[in-house]
Amino acid sequence: MKALIFAFLVLLGGNFGGYGQTIKNIVPMRSTCEDVKRIVKVDTCNRELEFYNLPDERIEISYSTEDCPKAYLKYWDVPKGIVLSVIRTPKKPILLNELSLDFKDCEKFKYNNDLQQIGYYCKETGTTYNFIDNYLSYVTYTPTAEDTKLLRRDKKCKVKN
Protein backbone atom coordinates (compact mmCIF):
# COMPACT_ATOMS: atom_id res chain seq x y z
CA MET A 1 0.00 0.00 0.00
CA LYS A 2 2.87 2.41 0.79
CA ALA A 3 4.25 1.84 -2.70
CA LEU A 4 0.86 2.83 -4.14
CA ILE A 5 0.78 6.04 -2.09
CA PHE A 6 4.36 6.84 -3.09
CA ALA A 7 3.48 6.33 -6.76
CA PHE A 8 0.41 8.55 -6.34
CA LEU A 9 2.50 11.33 -4.80
CA VAL A 10 5.08 11.07 -7.58
CA LEU A 11 2.32 11.42 -10.16
CA LEU A 12 1.05 14.51 -8.36
CA GLY A 13 4.46 16.04 -8.30
CA GLY A 14 5.45 14.64 -4.92
CA ASN A 15 4.94 17.97 -3.23
CA PHE A 16 2.26 17.47 -0.60
CA GLY A 17 4.83 18.34 2.05
CA GLY A 18 6.81 20.89 -0.03
CA TYR A 19 7.36 24.47 1.05
CA GLY A 20 4.23 25.96 -0.50
CA GLN A 21 4.87 24.11 -3.74
CA THR A 22 1.92 22.56 -5.44
CA ILE A 23 1.45 20.33 -8.43
CA LYS A 24 4.58 20.56 -10.57
CA ASN A 25 5.76 23.66 -8.72
CA ILE A 26 2.83 25.98 -9.32
CA VAL A 27 3.41 28.40 -6.45
CA PRO A 28 0.91 30.97 -5.12
CA MET A 29 2.02 34.60 -5.55
CA ARG A 30 4.82 33.46 -7.88
CA SER A 31 3.37 31.43 -10.76
CA THR A 32 1.45 32.98 -13.63
CA CYS A 33 -1.52 31.97 -15.75
CA GLU A 34 0.95 31.16 -18.53
CA ASP A 35 2.94 28.89 -16.18
CA VAL A 36 -0.25 26.94 -15.40
CA LYS A 37 -1.11 26.60 -19.09
CA ARG A 38 2.34 25.23 -19.84
CA ILE A 39 2.74 22.96 -16.80
CA VAL A 40 -0.78 21.52 -16.50
CA LYS A 41 -1.37 21.63 -20.27
CA VAL A 42 -4.67 23.50 -20.15
CA ASP A 43 -6.02 26.23 -22.40
CA THR A 44 -7.83 28.48 -19.95
CA CYS A 45 -7.05 30.59 -16.94
CA ASN A 46 -9.15 33.60 -17.83
CA ARG A 47 -11.46 33.60 -14.83
CA GLU A 48 -10.79 34.41 -11.20
CA LEU A 49 -11.34 30.74 -10.33
CA GLU A 50 -10.62 27.82 -12.67
CA PHE A 51 -11.18 24.08 -12.13
CA TYR A 52 -9.02 21.49 -13.85
CA ASN A 53 -9.89 17.80 -13.89
CA LEU A 54 -6.67 15.79 -14.14
CA PRO A 55 -6.32 11.99 -14.20
CA ASP A 56 -5.47 11.57 -10.51
CA GLU A 57 -6.80 14.74 -8.96
CA ARG A 58 -8.93 17.81 -9.36
CA ILE A 59 -7.26 21.17 -8.93
CA GLU A 60 -8.82 24.55 -8.31
CA ILE A 61 -6.69 27.62 -8.96
CA SER A 62 -7.58 31.20 -8.14
CA TYR A 63 -5.94 33.97 -10.14
CA SER A 64 -5.56 37.69 -9.62
CA THR A 65 -7.84 39.50 -12.03
CA GLU A 66 -6.37 42.94 -11.35
CA ASP A 67 -3.12 44.53 -10.27
CA CYS A 68 -2.79 44.49 -6.49
CA PRO A 69 -5.66 42.04 -5.80
CA LYS A 70 -7.34 41.66 -2.44
CA ALA A 71 -7.23 38.11 -1.08
CA TYR A 72 -7.10 36.68 2.45
CA LEU A 73 -8.29 40.08 3.78
CA LYS A 74 -5.11 41.82 2.55
CA TYR A 75 -3.87 43.44 -0.62
CA TRP A 76 -1.05 41.74 -2.49
CA ASP A 77 1.65 43.47 -4.50
CA VAL A 78 1.29 41.17 -7.51
CA PRO A 79 0.05 41.84 -11.04
CA LYS A 80 -2.97 40.48 -12.91
CA GLY A 81 -2.74 36.79 -13.88
CA ILE A 82 -0.79 35.59 -10.82
CA VAL A 83 -1.84 32.40 -9.02
CA LEU A 84 -3.29 33.33 -5.61
CA SER A 85 -4.08 29.85 -4.31
CA VAL A 86 -4.29 26.21 -5.34
CA ILE A 87 -6.55 23.48 -3.98
CA ARG A 88 -5.73 19.85 -4.79
CA THR A 89 -8.30 17.11 -4.27
CA PRO A 90 -7.12 13.54 -4.82
CA LYS A 91 -9.50 11.22 -6.64
CA LYS A 92 -8.37 8.12 -4.73
CA PRO A 93 -8.44 7.75 -0.94
CA ILE A 94 -5.20 8.42 0.93
CA LEU A 95 -4.94 7.74 4.67
CA LEU A 96 -3.28 10.33 6.89
CA ASN A 97 -0.71 7.88 8.27
CA GLU A 98 0.26 6.80 4.73
CA LEU A 99 1.43 10.28 3.77
CA SER A 100 4.52 10.40 6.01
CA LEU A 101 3.95 14.08 6.70
CA ASP A 102 5.44 15.91 9.67
CA PHE A 103 2.96 18.32 11.24
CA LYS A 104 5.14 19.36 14.21
CA ASP A 105 5.32 22.99 12.97
CA CYS A 106 1.66 23.07 11.96
CA GLU A 107 -1.45 24.10 13.86
CA LYS A 108 -4.03 21.33 14.23
CA PHE A 109 -7.69 22.34 14.22
CA LYS A 110 -11.11 20.69 14.10
CA TYR A 111 -13.98 21.81 11.95
CA ASN A 112 -17.26 22.52 13.69
CA ASN A 113 -19.39 20.11 11.68
CA ASP A 114 -20.83 16.62 11.93
CA LEU A 115 -17.96 15.08 9.97
CA GLN A 116 -14.83 13.76 11.64
CA GLN A 117 -12.93 16.56 9.93
CA ILE A 118 -9.54 17.89 11.05
CA GLY A 119 -6.99 20.16 9.46
CA TYR A 120 -3.37 21.13 9.81
CA TYR A 121 -2.32 24.66 8.91
CA CYS A 122 1.39 25.03 8.19
CA LYS A 123 2.03 28.80 8.23
CA GLU A 124 5.62 28.69 6.98
CA THR A 125 4.66 26.85 3.79
CA GLY A 126 1.16 28.33 3.45
CA THR A 127 -0.25 24.80 3.26
CA THR A 128 -3.43 23.48 4.86
CA TYR A 129 -4.13 19.75 4.87
CA ASN A 130 -7.76 18.67 5.39
CA PHE A 131 -8.80 15.18 6.45
CA ILE A 132 -12.19 13.51 6.90
CA ASP A 133 -12.15 10.28 8.92
CA ASN A 134 -8.34 10.25 8.57
CA TYR A 135 -8.49 10.36 4.76
CA LEU A 136 -6.98 13.25 2.84
CA SER A 137 -9.85 15.39 1.61
CA TYR A 138 -7.91 18.24 -0.01
CA VAL A 139 -4.78 20.36 0.34
CA THR A 140 -4.85 24.15 0.04
CA TYR A 141 -1.75 26.13 -0.92
CA THR A 142 -1.72 29.84 -0.11
CA PRO A 143 1.14 32.36 0.24
CA THR A 144 4.11 31.20 2.31
CA ALA A 145 5.11 33.10 5.46
CA GLU A 146 8.01 34.60 3.49
CA ASP A 147 5.80 35.76 0.62
CA THR A 148 3.34 37.19 3.12
CA LYS A 149 6.13 39.37 4.56
CA LEU A 150 7.34 40.41 1.10
CA LEU A 151 4.12 40.86 -0.86
CA ARG A 152 1.31 41.75 1.55
CA ARG A 153 0.24 45.38 1.83
CA ASP A 154 -1.96 46.84 4.55
CA LYS A 155 -3.41 49.35 2.11
CA LYS A 156 -4.16 49.06 -1.56
CA CYS A 157 -0.88 49.11 -3.50
CA LYS A 158 -0.04 51.78 -6.00
CA VAL A 159 -0.46 50.50 -9.54
CA LYS A 160 2.90 50.28 -11.30
CA ASN A 161 3.08 52.02 -14.66
Foldseek 3Di string as FASTA:
>chain_A
DLVVVVVLLVVQVVDLQPQLAGRVRQHAPPDFQVNCCVRVVDDDDQDQWDWDDDPFKIKIWGWAQAQQDQDPNWTWRGGGGGTAKMKIFTPDWDFQVSSPHDLPQWDKDADPDPFRKIWTQRQQRQKIFIDTPRTTGMMMRGDGNVSCVVITDRDRDDDDD
